[in-house]
PDB file of N, CA and C in Angstrom:
ATOM      1  N   UNK A   1     -23.000  16.964  -7.146  1.00  0.00           N
ATOM      2  CA  UNK A   1     -21.798  15.666  -7.352  1.00  0.00           C
ATOM      3  C   UNK A   1     -22.231  15.178  -7.020  1.00  0.00           C
ATOM      4  N   UNK A   2     -22.111  13.435  -7.316  1.00  0.00           N
ATOM      5  CA  UNK A   2     -22.927  12.595  -6.584  1.00  0.00           C
ATOM      6  C   UNK A   2     -22.277  12.531  -4.739  1.00  0.00           C
ATOM      7  N   UNK A   3     -22.722  11.989  -3.794  1.00  0.00           N
ATOM      8  CA  UNK A   3     -22.247  11.415  -2.555  1.00  0.00           C
ATOM      9  C   UNK A   3     -20.907  10.262  -3.090  1.00  0.00           C
ATOM     10  N   UNK A   4     -20.193  10.176  -2.307  1.00  0.00           N
ATOM     11  CA  UNK A   4     -19.055   9.087  -2.656  1.00  0.00           C
ATOM     12  C   UNK A   4     -19.521   8.431  -1.767  1.00  0.00           C
ATOM     13  N   UNK A   5     -19.201   6.581  -2.209  1.00  0.00           N
ATOM     14  CA  UNK A   5     -19.646   5.689  -1.992  1.00  0.00           C
ATOM     15  C   UNK A   5     -18.444   5.118  -1.122  1.00  0.00           C
ATOM     16  N   UNK A   6     -18.773   4.626  -0.140  1.00  0.00           N
ATOM     17  CA  UNK A   6     -17.884   3.730   0.612  1.00  0.00           C
ATOM     18  C   UNK A   6     -17.740   2.733   0.902  1.00  0.00           C
ATOM     19  N   UNK A   7     -18.525   1.788  -0.020  1.00  0.00           N
ATOM     20  CA  UNK A   7     -18.929   0.628  -0.367  1.00  0.00           C
ATOM     21  C   UNK A   7     -17.507  -0.754  -0.659  1.00  0.00           C
ATOM     22  N   UNK A   8     -17.673  -1.441  -0.229  1.00  0.00           N
ATOM     23  CA  UNK A   8     -15.982  -2.186  -0.649  1.00  0.00           C
ATOM     24  C   UNK A   8     -16.017  -2.538  -2.146  1.00  0.00           C
ATOM     25  N   UNK A   9     -16.773  -2.572  -3.212  1.00  0.00           N
ATOM     26  CA  UNK A   9     -16.876  -2.541  -4.524  1.00  0.00           C
ATOM     27  C   UNK A   9     -16.761  -1.218  -4.877  1.00  0.00           C
ATOM     28  N   UNK A  10     -16.688  -0.117  -4.473  1.00  0.00           N
ATOM     29  CA  UNK A  10     -16.068   1.444  -4.703  1.00  0.00           C
ATOM     30  C   UNK A  10     -15.089   1.628  -4.505  1.00  0.00           C
ATOM     31  N   UNK A  11     -14.739   1.277  -2.805  1.00  0.00           N
ATOM     32  CA  UNK A  11     -13.154   1.084  -2.563  1.00  0.00           C
ATOM     33  C   UNK A  11     -12.480   0.441  -3.584  1.00  0.00           C
ATOM     34  N   UNK A  12     -12.702  -0.634  -4.039  1.00  0.00           N
ATOM     35  CA  UNK A  12     -11.965  -1.497  -5.288  1.00  0.00           C
ATOM     36  C   UNK A  12     -11.442  -0.708  -6.567  1.00  0.00           C
ATOM     37  N   UNK A  13     -12.623  -0.084  -6.702  1.00  0.00           N
ATOM     38  CA  UNK A  13     -12.736   0.548  -8.281  1.00  0.00           C
ATOM     39  C   UNK A  13     -12.001   1.671  -8.047  1.00  0.00           C
ATOM     40  N   UNK A  14     -12.369   2.454  -6.759  1.00  0.00           N
ATOM     41  CA  UNK A  14     -11.053   3.807  -6.861  1.00  0.00           C
ATOM     42  C   UNK A  14      -9.681   3.492  -6.695  1.00  0.00           C
ATOM     43  N   UNK A  15      -9.448   2.445  -6.526  1.00  0.00           N
ATOM     44  CA  UNK A  15      -8.104   1.669  -5.828  1.00  0.00           C
ATOM     45  C   UNK A  15      -7.673   1.182  -7.413  1.00  0.00           C
ATOM     46  N   UNK A  16      -8.354   0.650  -8.164  1.00  0.00           N
ATOM     47  CA  UNK A  16      -7.880  -0.031  -9.289  1.00  0.00           C
ATOM     48  C   UNK A  16      -7.708   1.311 -10.588  1.00  0.00           C
ATOM     49  N   UNK A  17      -8.704   2.481 -10.181  1.00  0.00           N
ATOM     50  CA  UNK A  17      -8.275   3.649 -11.120  1.00  0.00           C
ATOM     51  C   UNK A  17      -7.279   4.661 -10.548  1.00  0.00           C
ATOM     52  N   UNK A  18      -7.079   4.614  -9.276  1.00  0.00           N
ATOM     53  CA  UNK A  18      -5.592   5.075  -8.864  1.00  0.00           C
ATOM     54  C   UNK A  18      -4.537   4.410  -9.486  1.00  0.00           C
ATOM     55  N   UNK A  19      -4.065   2.986  -9.672  1.00  0.00           N
ATOM     56  CA  UNK A  19      -3.313   2.361 -10.092  1.00  0.00           C
ATOM     57  C   UNK A  19      -3.252   2.923 -11.492  1.00  0.00           C
ATOM     58  N   UNK A  20      -4.113   2.901 -12.498  1.00  0.00           N
ATOM     59  CA  UNK A  20      -3.964   3.231 -13.630  1.00  0.00           C
ATOM     60  C   UNK A  20      -3.618   4.384 -13.678  1.00  0.00           C
ATOM     61  N   UNK A  21      -3.906   5.603 -13.222  1.00  0.00           N
ATOM     62  CA  UNK A  21      -3.138   6.799 -13.088  1.00  0.00           C
ATOM     63  C   UNK A  21      -1.859   7.077 -12.937  1.00  0.00           C
ATOM     64  N   UNK A  22      -1.366   6.184 -11.617  1.00  0.00           N
ATOM     65  CA  UNK A  22       0.117   6.099 -11.327  1.00  0.00           C
ATOM     66  C   UNK A  22       0.951   5.426 -12.080  1.00  0.00           C
ATOM     67  N   UNK A  23       0.388   4.630 -12.674  1.00  0.00           N
ATOM     68  CA  UNK A  23       0.976   3.399 -13.597  1.00  0.00           C
ATOM     69  C   UNK A  23       1.116   4.700 -14.763  1.00  0.00           C
ATOM     70  N   UNK A  24       0.497   5.302 -14.993  1.00  0.00           N
ATOM     71  CA  UNK A  24       0.903   6.116 -16.491  1.00  0.00           C
ATOM     72  C   UNK A  24       1.384   7.342 -15.788  1.00  0.00           C
ATOM     73  N   UNK A  25       1.182   8.048 -14.788  1.00  0.00           N
ATOM     74  CA  UNK A  25       2.633   8.792 -14.058  1.00  0.00           C
ATOM     75  C   UNK A  25       3.768   8.308 -14.314  1.00  0.00           C
ATOM     76  N   UNK A  26       4.104   7.293 -13.951  1.00  0.00           N
ATOM     77  CA  UNK A  26       5.834   6.571 -13.416  1.00  0.00           C
ATOM     78  C   UNK A  26       6.208   6.089 -15.323  1.00  0.00           C
ATOM     79  N   UNK A  27       5.110   6.146 -16.407  1.00  0.00           N
ATOM     80  CA  UNK A  27       5.662   5.431 -17.694  1.00  0.00           C
ATOM     81  C   UNK A  27       6.192   7.173 -18.332  1.00  0.00           C
ATOM     82  N   UNK A  28       5.240   8.208 -17.881  1.00  0.00           N
ATOM     83  CA  UNK A  28       5.493   9.375 -18.383  1.00  0.00           C
ATOM     84  C   UNK A  28       6.635   9.888 -17.558  1.00  0.00           C
ATOM     85  N   UNK A  29       7.087   9.753 -16.787  1.00  0.00           N
ATOM     86  CA  UNK A  29       8.133   9.963 -15.885  1.00  0.00           C
ATOM     87  C   UNK A  29       9.551   9.432 -16.581  1.00  0.00           C
ATOM     88  N   UNK A  30       9.210   7.968 -16.467  1.00  0.00           N
ATOM     89  CA  UNK A  30       9.929   7.397 -17.019  1.00  0.00           C
ATOM     90  C   UNK A  30      11.031   7.793 -18.701  1.00  0.00           C
ATOM     91  N   UNK A  31       9.613   8.514 -19.550  1.00  0.00           N
ATOM     92  CA  UNK A  31       9.892   8.785 -20.779  1.00  0.00           C
ATOM     93  C   UNK A  31      10.381  10.253 -20.982  1.00  0.00           C
ATOM     94  N   UNK A  32      10.642  10.929 -19.567  1.00  0.00           N
ATOM     95  CA  UNK A  32      11.408  11.869 -19.402  1.00  0.00           C
ATOM     96  C   UNK A  32      10.359  13.432 -18.631  1.00  0.00           C
ATOM     97  N   UNK A  33       9.446  13.234 -19.103  1.00  0.00           N
ATOM     98  CA  UNK A  33       8.336  14.641 -18.934  1.00  0.00           C
ATOM     99  C   UNK A  33       8.588  14.729 -17.342  1.00  0.00           C
ATOM    100  N   UNK A  34       8.503  16.023 -16.823  1.00  0.00           N
ATOM    101  CA  UNK A  34       8.626  16.497 -15.792  1.00  0.00           C
ATOM    102  C   UNK A  34       7.292  16.530 -15.006  1.00  0.00           C
ATOM    103  N   UNK A  35       8.117  16.148 -13.971  1.00  0.00           N
ATOM    104  CA  UNK A  35       6.764  15.345 -12.766  1.00  0.00           C
ATOM    105  C   UNK A  35       5.745  16.748 -12.717  1.00  0.00           C
ATOM    106  N   UNK A  36       6.022  17.875 -12.851  1.00  0.00           N
ATOM    107  CA  UNK A  36       5.265  18.864 -12.731  1.00  0.00           C
ATOM    108  C   UNK A  36       4.346  19.082 -13.745  1.00  0.00           C
ATOM    109  N   UNK A  37       4.981  18.831 -14.643  1.00  0.00           N
ATOM    110  CA  UNK A  37       3.896  18.614 -15.937  1.00  0.00           C
ATOM    111  C   UNK A  37       3.161  18.130 -15.967  1.00  0.00           C
ATOM    112  N   UNK A  38       3.224  16.632 -15.614  1.00  0.00           N
ATOM    113  CA  UNK A  38       2.369  15.458 -15.369  1.00  0.00           C
ATOM    114  C   UNK A  38       1.087  16.052 -14.615  1.00  0.00           C
ATOM    115  N   UNK A  39       1.668  16.508 -13.308  1.00  0.00           N
ATOM    116  CA  UNK A  39       0.609  16.849 -12.178  1.00  0.00           C
ATOM    117  C   UNK A  39       0.039  17.881 -12.733  1.00  0.00           C
ATOM    118  N   UNK A  40       0.227  19.084 -13.316  1.00  0.00           N
ATOM    119  CA  UNK A  40      -0.674  20.169 -14.021  1.00  0.00           C
ATOM    120  C   UNK A  40      -1.603  19.221 -15.274  1.00  0.00           C
ATOM    121  N   UNK A  41      -1.193  18.317 -16.279  1.00  0.00           N
ATOM    122  CA  UNK A  41      -1.864  17.880 -16.972  1.00  0.00           C
ATOM    123  C   UNK A  41      -3.324  17.004 -16.028  1.00  0.00           C
ATOM    124  N   UNK A  42      -2.480  16.166 -15.269  1.00  0.00           N
ATOM    125  CA  UNK A  42      -3.438  15.023 -14.459  1.00  0.00           C
ATOM    126  C   UNK A  42      -4.831  16.128 -13.853  1.00  0.00           C
ATOM    127  N   UNK A  43      -4.270  17.241 -13.162  1.00  0.00           N
ATOM    128  CA  UNK A  43      -5.269  18.132 -12.684  1.00  0.00           C
ATOM    129  C   UNK A  43      -6.015  18.519 -13.233  1.00  0.00           C
ATOM    130  N   UNK A  44      -5.668  19.248 -14.697  1.00  0.00           N
ATOM    131  CA  UNK A  44      -6.666  19.589 -15.533  1.00  0.00           C
ATOM    132  C   UNK A  44      -7.530  18.616 -16.183  1.00  0.00           C
ATOM    133  N   UNK A  45      -6.908  17.642 -16.683  1.00  0.00           N
ATOM    134  CA  UNK A  45      -7.775  16.670 -16.964  1.00  0.00           C
ATOM    135  C   UNK A  45      -8.763  16.182 -15.978  1.00  0.00           C
ATOM    136  N   UNK A  46      -8.760  16.155 -15.042  1.00  0.00           N
ATOM    137  CA  UNK A  46      -9.726  15.888 -13.632  1.00  0.00           C
ATOM    138  C   UNK A  46     -10.973  16.620 -13.426  1.00  0.00           C
ATOM    139  N   UNK A  47     -10.301  18.010 -13.578  1.00  0.00           N
ATOM    140  CA  UNK A  47     -11.161  19.080 -13.288  1.00  0.00           C
ATOM    141  C   UNK A  47     -12.123  19.520 -14.310  1.00  0.00           C
ATOM    142  N   UNK A  48     -11.340  19.358 -15.548  1.00  0.00           N
ATOM    143  CA  UNK A  48     -12.392  19.644 -16.916  1.00  0.00           C
ATOM    144  C   UNK A  48     -13.303  18.715 -17.216  1.00  0.00           C
ATOM    145  N   UNK A  49     -12.858  17.316 -16.781  1.00  0.00           N
ATOM    146  CA  UNK A  49     -13.776  16.279 -16.644  1.00  0.00           C
ATOM    147  C   UNK A  49     -14.962  16.363 -15.476  1.00  0.00           C
ATOM    148  N   UNK A  50     -14.475  16.694 -14.719  1.00  0.00           N
ATOM    149  CA  UNK A  50     -15.584  17.031 -13.567  1.00  0.00           C
ATOM    150  C   UNK A  50     -16.652  18.378 -13.866  1.00  0.00           C
ATOM    151  N   UNK A  51     -16.026  19.131 -14.502  1.00  0.00           N
ATOM    152  CA  UNK A  51     -16.770  20.020 -14.895  1.00  0.00           C
ATOM    153  C   UNK A  51     -17.664  20.051 -15.950  1.00  0.00           C
ATOM    154  N   UNK A  52     -17.451  19.118 -17.135  1.00  0.00           N
ATOM    155  CA  UNK A  52     -18.034  18.533 -18.302  1.00  0.00           C
ATOM    156  C   UNK A  52     -19.410  17.463 -17.153  1.00  0.00           C
ATOM    157  N   UNK A  53     -19.209  17.183 -16.553  1.00  0.00           N
ATOM    158  CA  UNK A  53     -19.938  16.144 -15.711  1.00  0.00           C
ATOM    159  C   UNK A  53     -21.115  16.936 -14.656  1.00  0.00           C
ATOM    160  N   UNK A  54     -20.455  17.526 -13.938  1.00  0.00           N
ATOM    161  CA  UNK A  54     -21.807  18.141 -13.227  1.00  0.00           C
ATOM    162  C   UNK A  54     -21.664  19.881 -13.063  1.00  0.00           C
ATOM    163  N   UNK A  55     -20.700  19.946 -14.061  1.00  0.00           N
ATOM    164  CA  UNK A  55     -20.806  21.840 -13.847  1.00  0.00           C
ATOM    165  C   UNK A  55     -19.486  22.545 -12.894  1.00  0.00           C
ATOM    166  N   UNK A  56     -19.475  23.687 -13.363  1.00  0.00           N
ATOM    167  CA  UNK A  56     -18.390  24.519 -12.894  1.00  0.00           C
ATOM    168  C   UNK A  56     -19.102  24.678 -11.301  1.00  0.00           C
ATOM    169  N   UNK A  57     -19.667  25.303 -10.930  1.00  0.00           N
ATOM    170  CA  UNK A  57     -20.279  25.433  -9.548  1.00  0.00           C
ATOM    171  C   UNK A  57     -20.303  24.556  -8.448  1.00  0.00           C
ATOM    172  N   UNK A  58     -20.701  23.220  -8.805  1.00  0.00           N
ATOM    173  CA  UNK A  58     -20.470  22.101  -7.752  1.00  0.00           C
ATOM    174  C   UNK A  58     -19.131  21.875  -7.726  1.00  0.00           C
ATOM    175  N   UNK A  59     -17.998  21.957  -8.705  1.00  0.00           N
ATOM    176  CA  UNK A  59     -16.495  21.493  -8.741  1.00  0.00           C
ATOM    177  C   UNK A  59     -15.886  22.520  -8.195  1.00  0.00           C
ATOM    178  N   UNK A  60     -16.483  23.708  -8.438  1.00  0.00           N
ATOM    179  CA  UNK A  60     -15.961  25.008  -7.372  1.00  0.00           C
ATOM    180  C   UNK A  60     -15.823  24.410  -5.964  1.00  0.00           C
ATOM    181  N   UNK A  61     -17.005  24.202  -5.527  1.00  0.00           N
ATOM    182  CA  UNK A  61     -17.757  23.850  -4.045  1.00  0.00           C
ATOM    183  C   UNK A  61     -16.837  22.555  -3.405  1.00  0.00           C
ATOM    184  N   UNK A  62     -16.654  21.645  -4.745  1.00  0.00           N
ATOM    185  CA  UNK A  62     -15.644  20.651  -4.015  1.00  0.00           C
ATOM    186  C   UNK A  62     -14.009  21.174  -4.051  1.00  0.00           C
ATOM    187  N   UNK A  63     -13.771  21.763  -4.892  1.00  0.00           N
ATOM    188  CA  UNK A  63     -12.167  22.438  -4.656  1.00  0.00           C
ATOM    189  C   UNK A  63     -12.105  23.368  -3.922  1.00  0.00           C
ATOM    190  N   UNK A  64     -13.311  23.640  -3.166  1.00  0.00           N
ATOM    191  CA  UNK A  64     -12.705  24.625  -1.454  1.00  0.00           C
ATOM    192  C   UNK A  64     -12.408  23.915  -0.664  1.00  0.00           C
ATOM    193  N   UNK A  65     -12.882  22.320  -0.655  1.00  0.00           N
ATOM    194  CA  UNK A  65     -12.563  21.760   0.612  1.00  0.00           C
ATOM    195  C   UNK A  65     -10.949  21.252   0.431  1.00  0.00           C
ATOM    196  N   UNK A  66     -10.745  21.328  -0.927  1.00  0.00           N
ATOM    197  CA  UNK A  66      -9.415  20.531  -0.968  1.00  0.00           C
ATOM    198  C   UNK A  66      -8.291  20.884  -0.079  1.00  0.00           C
ATOM    199  N   UNK A  67      -7.908  22.595   0.385  1.00  0.00           N
ATOM    200  CA  UNK A  67      -7.051  22.266   1.058  1.00  0.00           C
ATOM    201  C   UNK A  67      -6.444  21.794   2.613  1.00  0.00           C
ATOM    202  N   UNK A  68      -8.075  21.851   3.191  1.00  0.00           N
ATOM    203  CA  UNK A  68      -7.884  21.328   4.234  1.00  0.00           C
ATOM    204  C   UNK A  68      -8.114  19.353   4.044  1.00  0.00           C
ATOM    205  N   UNK A  69      -8.400  18.840   2.960  1.00  0.00           N
ATOM    206  CA  UNK A  69      -8.530  17.411   2.527  1.00  0.00           C
ATOM    207  C   UNK A  69      -6.658  17.127   2.691  1.00  0.00           C
ATOM    208  N   UNK A  70      -6.043  17.919   2.060  1.00  0.00           N
ATOM    209  CA  UNK A  70      -4.782  17.668   1.380  1.00  0.00           C
ATOM    210  C   UNK A  70      -3.747  17.644   3.070  1.00  0.00           C
ATOM    211  N   UNK A  71      -3.985  18.914   3.724  1.00  0.00           N
ATOM    212  CA  UNK A  71      -3.597  19.024   5.502  1.00  0.00           C
ATOM    213  C   UNK A  71      -4.061  18.038   6.223  1.00  0.00           C
ATOM    214  N   UNK A  72      -5.004  17.490   6.047  1.00  0.00           N
ATOM    215  CA  UNK A  72      -5.388  16.175   6.444  1.00  0.00           C
ATOM    216  C   UNK A  72      -4.602  14.972   6.404  1.00  0.00           C
ATOM    217  N   UNK A  73      -3.830  14.848   4.841  1.00  0.00           N
ATOM    218  CA  UNK A  73      -3.697  13.879   4.409  1.00  0.00           C
ATOM    219  C   UNK A  73      -4.231  12.780   3.657  1.00  0.00           C
ATOM    220  N   UNK A  74      -5.123  12.979   2.897  1.00  0.00           N
ATOM    221  CA  UNK A  74      -6.186  12.676   2.112  1.00  0.00           C
ATOM    222  C   UNK A  74      -5.321  12.187   1.526  1.00  0.00           C
ATOM    223  N   UNK A  75      -4.547  12.979   0.540  1.00  0.00           N
ATOM    224  CA  UNK A  75      -3.823  12.744  -0.354  1.00  0.00           C
ATOM    225  C   UNK A  75      -2.625  11.924  -0.410  1.00  0.00           C
ATOM    226  N   UNK A  76      -2.398  11.626   0.525  1.00  0.00           N
ATOM    227  CA  UNK A  76      -0.679  11.450   0.630  1.00  0.00           C
ATOM    228  C   UNK A  76      -0.652  10.142   0.914  1.00  0.00           C
ATOM    229  N   UNK A  77       0.205   9.699  -0.734  1.00  0.00           N
ATOM    230  CA  UNK A  77       0.379   8.144  -1.580  1.00  0.00           C
ATOM    231  C   UNK A  77       1.873   7.544  -0.847  1.00  0.00           C
ATOM    232  N   UNK A  78       1.828   6.973  -0.095  1.00  0.00           N
ATOM    233  CA  UNK A  78       2.972   6.323  -0.195  1.00  0.00           C
ATOM    234  C   UNK A  78       3.510   5.037  -0.857  1.00  0.00           C
ATOM    235  N   UNK A  79       4.474   5.188  -2.192  1.00  0.00           N
ATOM    236  CA  UNK A  79       4.435   4.117  -2.975  1.00  0.00           C
ATOM    237  C   UNK A  79       5.563   3.693  -3.303  1.00  0.00           C
ATOM    238  N   UNK A  80       5.777   2.562  -3.577  1.00  0.00           N
ATOM    239  CA  UNK A  80       7.042   2.249  -3.781  1.00  0.00           C
ATOM    240  C   UNK A  80       7.661   1.862  -5.463  1.00  0.00           C
ATOM    241  N   UNK A  81       8.226   2.831  -5.641  1.00  0.00           N
ATOM    242  CA  UNK A  81       8.655   2.420  -7.242  1.00  0.00           C
ATOM    243  C   UNK A  81       9.166   0.869  -7.769  1.00  0.00           C
ATOM    244  N   UNK A  82       9.181   0.493  -8.719  1.00  0.00           N
ATOM    245  CA  UNK A  82       9.688  -0.974  -9.081  1.00  0.00           C
ATOM    246  C   UNK A  82      10.818  -0.889  -9.904  1.00  0.00           C
TER     247      UNK A  82
END
């Protein structure tokens, strides 16, 4: 898997991508889908896409680091619903 680019342009792109995902998530929940179902589908979509691009082993190695990243608050997003 490629090294994460922390440049300004890469951060803007990641922020824009996250906004698209969060908007779709909010729309799905608004339409009545259970947030747990949306979460499971999003994780499946992300992992299957990454596996198609990088293969199972590199994605498994990346996934092994997720518990610590979660505990470190890396995925904690404070958002305001409008």
